[in-house]
C-alpha atoms as a PDB file:
ATOM      1  CA  UNK A   1       0.000   0.000   0.000  1.00  0.00           C
ATOM      2  CA  UNK A   2       2.863   2.365   0.820  1.00  0.00           C
ATOM      3  CA  UNK A   3       4.515   1.726  -2.555  1.00  0.00           C
ATOM      4  CA  UNK A   4       1.220   2.362  -4.354  1.00  0.00           C
ATOM      5  CA  UNK A   5       0.688   5.677  -2.549  1.00  0.00           C
ATOM      6  CA  UNK A   6       4.243   6.747  -3.348  1.00  0.00           C
ATOM      7  CA  UNK A   7       3.746   5.866  -7.040  1.00  0.00           C
ATOM      8  CA  UNK A   8       0.516   7.840  -7.221  1.00  0.00           C
ATOM      9  CA  UNK A   9       2.110  10.833  -5.500  1.00  0.00           C
ATOM     10  CA  UNK A  10       5.050  10.707  -7.888  1.00  0.00           C
ATOM     11  CA  UNK A  11       2.692  10.551 -10.893  1.00  0.00           C
ATOM     12  CA  UNK A  12       0.749  13.608  -9.705  1.00  0.00           C
ATOM     13  CA  UNK A  13       3.973  15.567  -9.121  1.00  0.00           C
ATOM     14  CA  UNK A  14       5.157  14.780 -12.637  1.00  0.00           C
ATOM     15  CA  UNK A  15       1.796  15.761 -14.095  1.00  0.00           C
ATOM     16  CA  UNK A  16       1.941  19.038 -12.179  1.00  0.00           C
ATOM     17  CA  UNK A  17       5.279  19.829 -13.767  1.00  0.00           C
ATOM     18  CA  UNK A  18       3.985  19.219 -17.302  1.00  0.00           C
ATOM     19  CA  UNK A  19       0.557  20.837 -17.321  1.00  0.00           C
ATOM     20  CA  UNK A  20       0.301  21.073 -21.115  1.00  0.00           C
ATOM     21  CA  UNK A  21       1.010  17.371 -21.604  1.00  0.00           C
ATOM     22  CA  UNK A  22      -1.370  16.515 -18.749  1.00  0.00           C
ATOM     23  CA  UNK A  23      -4.136  18.596 -20.303  1.00  0.00           C
ATOM     24  CA  UNK A  24      -3.718  16.760 -23.616  1.00  0.00           C
ATOM     25  CA  UNK A  25      -3.935  13.374 -21.868  1.00  0.00           C
ATOM     26  CA  UNK A  26      -7.039  14.360 -19.878  1.00  0.00           C
ATOM     27  CA  UNK A  27      -8.727  15.824 -22.965  1.00  0.00           C
ATOM     28  CA  UNK A  28      -7.943  12.716 -25.027  1.00  0.00           C
ATOM     29  CA  UNK A  29      -9.354  10.442 -22.339  1.00  0.00           C
ATOM     30  CA  UNK A  30     -12.473  12.583 -21.992  1.00  0.00           C
ATOM     31  CA  UNK A  31     -13.087  12.538 -25.740  1.00  0.00           C
ATOM     32  CA  UNK A  32     -12.556   8.788 -25.870  1.00  0.00           C
ATOM     33  CA  UNK A  33     -14.938   8.117 -22.995  1.00  0.00           C
ATOM     34  CA  UNK A  34     -17.542  10.475 -24.465  1.00  0.00           C
ATOM     35  CA  UNK A  35     -17.317   8.907 -27.936  1.00  0.00           C
ATOM     36  CA  UNK A  36     -17.642   5.393 -26.510  1.00  0.00           C
ATOM     37  CA  UNK A  37     -20.645   6.409 -24.417  1.00  0.00           C
ATOM     38  CA  UNK A  38     -22.347   8.020 -27.432  1.00  0.00           C
ATOM     39  CA  UNK A  39     -21.715   4.982 -29.662  1.00  0.00           C
ATOM     40  CA  UNK A  40     -23.028   2.611 -27.007  1.00  0.00           C
ATOM     41  CA  UNK A  41     -26.153   4.738 -26.522  1.00  0.00           C
ATOM     42  CA  UNK A  42     -26.876   4.594 -30.261  1.00  0.00           C
ATOM     43  CA  UNK A  43     -26.242   0.847 -30.484  1.00  0.00           C
ATOM     44  CA  UNK A  44     -28.356   0.255 -27.383  1.00  0.00           C
ATOM     45  CA  UNK A  45     -31.282   2.237 -28.807  1.00  0.00           C
ATOM     46  CA  UNK A  46     -31.085   0.727 -32.305  1.00  0.00           C
ATOM     47  CA  UNK A  47     -29.790  -2.819 -31.893  1.00  0.00           C
ATOM     48  CA  UNK A  48     -29.889  -3.959 -28.271  1.00  0.00           C
ATOM     49  CA  UNK A  49     -32.987  -2.487 -26.662  1.00  0.00           C
ATOM     50  CA  UNK A  50     -36.221  -4.001 -27.995  1.00  0.00           C
ATOM     51  CA  UNK A  51     -38.731  -1.617 -29.514  1.00  0.00           C
ATOM     52  CA  UNK A  52     -41.694  -0.900 -27.210  1.00  0.00           C
ATOM     53  CA  UNK A  53     -44.163  -2.219 -29.790  1.00  0.00           C
ATOM     54  CA  UNK A  54     -45.832  -5.546 -30.356  1.00  0.00           C
ATOM     55  CA  UNK A  55     -44.187  -7.490 -33.230  1.00  0.00           C
ATOM     56  CA  UNK A  56     -42.282  -4.483 -34.635  1.00  0.00           C
ATOM     57  CA  UNK A  57     -41.080  -6.543 -37.620  1.00  0.00           C
ATOM     58  CA  UNK A  58     -44.663  -6.510 -38.906  1.00  0.00           C
ATOM     59  CA  UNK A  59     -45.077  -2.733 -38.768  1.00  0.00           C
ATOM     60  CA  UNK A  60     -44.913  -0.713 -41.965  1.00  0.00           C
ATOM     61  CA  UNK A  61     -44.963   3.029 -42.549  1.00  0.00           C
ATOM     62  CA  UNK A  62     -46.867   4.072 -45.671  1.00  0.00           C
ATOM     63  CA  UNK A  63     -46.125   7.163 -47.753  1.00  0.00           C
ATOM     64  CA  UNK A  64     -47.267   8.545 -51.067  1.00  0.00           C
ATOM     65  CA  UNK A  65     -44.568   9.196 -53.638  1.00  0.00           C
ATOM     66  CA  UNK A  66     -44.253  12.312 -55.761  1.00  0.00           C
ATOM     67  CA  UNK A  67     -41.197  13.017 -57.865  1.00  0.00           C
ATOM     68  CA  UNK A  68     -39.647  16.427 -58.340  1.00  0.00           C
ATOM     69  CA  UNK A  69     -41.112  18.120 -55.249  1.00  0.00           C
ATOM     70  CA  UNK A  70     -37.885  18.254 -53.268  1.00  0.00           C
ATOM     71  CA  UNK A  71     -38.848  15.787 -50.540  1.00  0.00           C
ATOM     72  CA  UNK A  72     -36.286  13.161 -49.419  1.00  0.00           C
ATOM     73  CA  UNK A  73     -36.800   9.985 -51.451  1.00  0.00           C
ATOM     74  CA  UNK A  74     -39.847  11.684 -53.005  1.00  0.00           C
ATOM     75  CA  UNK A  75     -41.894  10.808 -49.890  1.00  0.00           C
ATOM     76  CA  UNK A  76     -44.975  12.887 -49.225  1.00  0.00           C
ATOM     77  CA  UNK A  77     -47.872  13.013 -46.785  1.00  0.00           C
ATOM     78  CA  UNK A  78     -50.955  10.884 -47.252  1.00  0.00           C
ATOM     79  CA  UNK A  79     -54.109  12.969 -47.510  1.00  0.00           C
ATOM     80  CA  UNK A  80     -57.283  12.335 -45.518  1.00  0.00           C
ATOM     81  CA  UNK A  81     -59.194  10.957 -48.575  1.00  0.00           C
ATOM     82  CA  UNK A  82     -56.290   8.581 -49.255  1.00  0.00           C
ATOM     83  CA  UNK A  83     -56.427   7.379 -45.647  1.00  0.00           C
ATOM     84  CA  UNK A  84     -60.113   6.597 -46.118  1.00  0.00           C
ATOM     85  CA  UNK A  85     -59.346   4.740 -49.351  1.00  0.00           C
ATOM     86  CA  UNK A  86     -56.666   2.666 -47.614  1.00  0.00           C
ATOM     87  CA  UNK A  87     -59.059   1.761 -44.822  1.00  0.00           C
ATOM     88  CA  UNK A  88     -61.794   0.721 -47.233  1.00  0.00           C
ATOM     89  CA  UNK A  89     -59.622  -1.100 -49.778  1.00  0.00           C
ATOM     90  CA  UNK A  90     -57.113  -2.690 -47.412  1.00  0.00           C
ATOM     91  CA  UNK A  91     -56.645  -6.425 -47.980  1.00  0.00           C
ATOM     92  CA  UNK A  92     -53.043  -6.770 -46.807  1.00  0.00           C
ATOM     93  CA  UNK A  93     -52.775  -5.289 -43.311  1.00  0.00           C
ATOM     94  CA  UNK A  94     -54.455  -6.463 -40.129  1.00  0.00           C
ATOM     95  CA  UNK A  95     -54.956  -2.857 -39.022  1.00  0.00           C
ATOM     96  CA  UNK A  96     -54.275   0.722 -40.070  1.00  0.00           C
ATOM     97  CA  UNK A  97     -53.676   3.859 -38.024  1.00  0.00           C
ATOM     98  CA  UNK A  98     -53.311   7.482 -39.080  1.00  0.00           C
ATOM     99  CA  UNK A  99     -50.900   9.798 -37.290  1.00  0.00           C
ATOM    100  CA  UNK A 100     -50.204  13.505 -37.612  1.00  0.00           C
ATOM    101  CA  UNK A 101     -47.789  15.814 -35.816  1.00  0.00           C
ATOM    102  CA  UNK A 102     -49.702  18.163 -33.585  1.00  0.00           C
ATOM    103  CA  UNK A 103     -47.670  20.362 -31.203  1.00  0.00           C
ATOM    104  CA  UNK A 104     -50.003  22.056 -28.749  1.00  0.00           C
ATOM    105  CA  UNK A 105     -50.164  24.630 -25.972  1.00  0.00           C
ATOM    106  CA  UNK A 106     -50.798  22.916 -22.653  1.00  0.00           C
ATOM    107  CA  UNK A 107     -52.405  25.252 -20.141  1.00  0.00           C
ATOM    108  CA  UNK A 108     -51.071  24.333 -16.707  1.00  0.00           C
ATOM    109  CA  UNK A 109     -49.518  26.106 -13.723  1.00  0.00           C
ATOM    110  CA  UNK A 110     -50.811  29.493 -14.772  1.00  0.00           C
ATOM    111  CA  UNK A 111     -49.058  29.691 -18.136  1.00  0.00           C
ATOM    112  CA  UNK A 112     -49.258  27.656 -21.353  1.00  0.00           C
ATOM    113  CA  UNK A 113     -46.410  25.352 -22.244  1.00  0.00           C
ATOM    114  CA  UNK A 114     -45.640  24.178 -25.754  1.00  0.00           C
ATOM    115  CA  UNK A 115     -45.422  20.387 -25.899  1.00  0.00           C
ATOM    116  CA  UNK A 116     -44.892  17.923 -28.735  1.00  0.00           C
ATOM    117  CA  UNK A 117     -48.152  16.214 -29.551  1.00  0.00           C
ATOM    118  CA  UNK A 118     -49.683  13.829 -32.053  1.00  0.00           C
ATOM    119  CA  UNK A 119     -53.229  13.482 -33.354  1.00  0.00           C
ATOM    120  CA  UNK A 120     -53.962   9.809 -33.923  1.00  0.00           C
ATOM    121  CA  UNK A 121     -56.759   7.491 -34.907  1.00  0.00           C
ATOM    122  CA  UNK A 122     -58.106   5.371 -32.023  1.00  0.00           C
ATOM    123  CA  UNK A 123     -56.593   2.158 -33.419  1.00  0.00           C
ATOM    124  CA  UNK A 124     -52.972   3.295 -32.979  1.00  0.00           C
ATOM    125  CA  UNK A 125     -52.311   1.980 -29.471  1.00  0.00           C
ATOM    126  CA  UNK A 126     -54.020  -1.371 -30.052  1.00  0.00           C
ATOM    127  CA  UNK A 127     -52.147  -1.791 -33.325  1.00  0.00           C
ATOM    128  CA  UNK A 128     -48.829  -1.242 -31.547  1.00  0.00           C
ATOM    129  CA  UNK A 129     -49.837  -3.510 -28.678  1.00  0.00           C
ATOM    130  CA  UNK A 130     -49.240  -0.620 -26.263  1.00  0.00           C
ATOM    131  CA  UNK A 131     -51.045  -0.702 -22.925  1.00  0.00           C
ATOM    132  CA  UNK A 132     -51.401   2.374 -20.692  1.00  0.00           C
ATOM    133  CA  UNK A 133     -49.705   2.580 -17.325  1.00  0.00           C
ATOM    134  CA  UNK A 134     -52.891   3.976 -15.804  1.00  0.00           C
ATOM    135  CA  UNK A 135     -56.288   4.729 -17.280  1.00  0.00           C
ATOM    136  CA  UNK A 136     -56.978   3.747 -20.878  1.00  0.00           C
ATOM    137  CA  UNK A 137     -56.274   4.716 -24.465  1.00  0.00           C
ATOM    138  CA  UNK A 138     -58.860   5.749 -27.042  1.00  0.00           C
ATOM    139  CA  UNK A 139     -61.956   3.630 -27.654  1.00  0.00           C
ATOM    140  CA  UNK A 140     -63.132   2.516 -31.070  1.00  0.00           C
ATOM    141  CA  UNK A 141     -66.523   4.129 -30.505  1.00  0.00           C
ATOM    142  CA  UNK A 142     -64.765   7.472 -30.033  1.00  0.00           C
ATOM    143  CA  UNK A 143     -63.941   7.487 -33.746  1.00  0.00           C
ATOM    144  CA  UNK A 144     -66.855   9.786 -34.397  1.00  0.00           C
ATOM    145  CA  UNK A 145     -66.920  13.473 -35.337  1.00  0.00           C
ATOM    146  CA  UNK A 146     -67.111  15.631 -32.252  1.00  0.00           C
ATOM    147  CA  UNK A 147     -65.730  12.968 -29.915  1.00  0.00           C
ATOM    148  CA  UNK A 148     -62.186  14.277 -29.961  1.00  0.00           C
ATOM    149  CA  UNK A 149     -61.881  15.817 -26.493  1.00  0.00           C
ATOM    150  CA  UNK A 150     -59.819  13.063 -24.867  1.00  0.00           C
ATOM    151  CA  UNK A 151     -56.036  12.983 -24.477  1.00  0.00           C
ATOM    152  CA  UNK A 152     -53.411  10.470 -23.403  1.00  0.00           C
ATOM    153  CA  UNK A 153     -50.228  11.654 -21.662  1.00  0.00           C
ATOM    154  CA  UNK A 154     -46.693  10.347 -22.024  1.00  0.00           C
ATOM    155  CA  UNK A 155     -44.913   9.067 -18.936  1.00  0.00           C
ATOM    156  CA  UNK A 156     -42.385  11.911 -19.107  1.00  0.00           C
ATOM    157  CA  UNK A 157     -45.039  14.630 -19.309  1.00  0.00           C
ATOM    158  CA  UNK A 158     -47.022  13.005 -16.496  1.00  0.00           C
ATOM    159  CA  UNK A 159     -43.994  13.101 -14.198  1.00  0.00           C
ATOM    160  CA  UNK A 160     -42.683  16.509 -15.284  1.00  0.00           C
ATOM    161  CA  UNK A 161     -45.895  18.522 -15.276  1.00  0.00           C
ATOM    162  CA  UNK A 162     -48.265  16.528 -13.083  1.00  0.00           C
ATOM    163  CA  UNK A 163     -45.775  15.157 -10.524  1.00  0.00           C
ATOM    164  CA  UNK A 164     -46.838  11.564 -11.363  1.00  0.00           C
ATOM    165  CA  UNK A 165     -50.223  12.148  -9.746  1.00  0.00           C
ATOM    166  CA  UNK A 166     -52.492   9.185 -10.661  1.00  0.00           C
ATOM    167  CA  UNK A 167     -55.530  11.389 -10.112  1.00  0.00           C
ATOM    168  CA  UNK A 168     -54.718  13.234 -13.325  1.00  0.00           C
ATOM    169  CA  UNK A 169     -56.735  10.516 -15.107  1.00  0.00           C
ATOM    170  CA  UNK A 170     -60.272  11.822 -15.288  1.00  0.00           C
ATOM    171  CA  UNK A 171     -59.209  15.426 -14.839  1.00  0.00           C
ATOM    172  CA  UNK A 172     -59.650  18.208 -17.391  1.00  0.00           C
ATOM    173  CA  UNK A 173     -56.755  20.155 -18.900  1.00  0.00           C
ATOM    174  CA  UNK A 174     -56.634  22.933 -21.491  1.00  0.00           C
ATOM    175  CA  UNK A 175     -55.179  22.102 -24.909  1.00  0.00           C
ATOM    176  CA  UNK A 176     -54.925  25.183 -27.130  1.00  0.00           C
ATOM    177  CA  UNK A 177     -57.591  26.756 -24.931  1.00  0.00           C
ATOM    178  CA  UNK A 178     -60.010  23.821 -25.310  1.00  0.00           C
ATOM    179  CA  UNK A 179     -60.939  21.661 -22.270  1.00  0.00           C
ATOM    180  CA  UNK A 180     -59.762  18.078 -22.753  1.00  0.00           C
ATOM    181  CA  UNK A 181     -60.274  15.027 -20.552  1.00  0.00           C
ATOM    182  CA  UNK A 182     -57.202  12.971 -19.613  1.00  0.00           C
ATOM    183  CA  UNK A 183     -58.092   9.304 -20.101  1.00  0.00           C
ATOM    184  CA  UNK A 184     -54.704   7.621 -19.635  1.00  0.00           C
ATOM    185  CA  UNK A 185     -50.945   7.731 -19.180  1.00  0.00           C
ATOM    186  CA  UNK A 186     -48.553   5.623 -21.249  1.00  0.00           C
ATOM    187  CA  UNK A 187     -45.684   3.716 -19.580  1.00  0.00           C
ATOM    188  CA  UNK A 188     -42.056   4.816 -19.545  1.00  0.00           C
ATOM    189  CA  UNK A 189     -40.306   4.005 -22.798  1.00  0.00           C
ATOM    190  CA  UNK A 190     -43.328   4.327 -25.053  1.00  0.00           C
ATOM    191  CA  UNK A 191     -42.914   7.286 -27.410  1.00  0.00           C
ATOM    192  CA  UNK A 192     -44.399   7.309 -30.904  1.00  0.00           C
ATOM    193  CA  UNK A 193     -43.871   9.331 -32.984  1.00  0.00           C
ATOM    194  CA  UNK A 194     -40.507  10.415 -31.590  1.00  0.00           C
ATOM    195  CA  UNK A 195     -40.625  12.899 -28.686  1.00  0.00           C
ATOM    196  CA  UNK A 196     -44.445  12.862 -28.492  1.00  0.00           C
ATOM    197  CA  UNK A 197     -45.669  13.970 -25.064  1.00  0.00           C
ATOM    198  CA  UNK A 198     -49.414  14.019 -25.583  1.00  0.00           C
ATOM    199  CA  UNK A 199     -51.822  12.239 -27.923  1.00  0.00           C
ATOM    200  CA  UNK A 200     -55.301  13.328 -28.864  1.00  0.00           C
ATOM    201  CA  UNK A 201     -57.920  11.536 -30.883  1.00  0.00           C
ATOM    202  CA  UNK A 202     -58.384  12.268 -34.553  1.00  0.00           C
ATOM    203  CA  UNK A 203     -59.927   9.912 -37.066  1.00  0.00           C
ATOM    204  CA  UNK A 204     -58.515  10.830 -40.494  1.00  0.00           C
ATOM    205  CA  UNK A 205     -55.008  12.262 -40.594  1.00  0.00           C
ATOM    206  CA  UNK A 206     -51.918  12.003 -42.806  1.00  0.00           C
ATOM    207  CA  UNK A 207     -49.611   9.140 -41.835  1.00  0.00           C
ATOM    208  CA  UNK A 208     -46.061   9.936 -40.704  1.00  0.00           C
END
């Protein structure tokens, strides 16, 4: 133990005498550790950690294709009439869901907060095999005009804004100034589309 302490003390004295060289070593180690951590995080998210969806290998994202409009790979939104056509003419998929980006103003704590949202058809959660942590998701019978005043919260938003209070289910919150009823909270790890914090019901929307 005494020899080890002496070696460490000697190393620190030498490093103190050569501050420039020491700074280069520390910076190199920091960059190496940071790069390894970033690479592992990417590999963990893409290859190691299972997707939070039921049978993800059977999921398919559908786009329309228009050439010469400047979109990557000529991919374009699907219009509401095309969504209806897909639902009526579908013979290949067990289920279809429409999704649209829908950032909203959430009125809580005296001032509105902008959160990332999505407007989805009621079938989305069942199609993904996603079960809520508390409460429920949207019901099939809610796929009617005028029955779009229910929302589902993400786990992160529930903890950050509502302090993980289970009584938030059944409460009313303001979304873009409109009263909405909270019907459920999704579990940690479920986020679709990416970064979505709140979902509200909408029947016919472009797919993303």
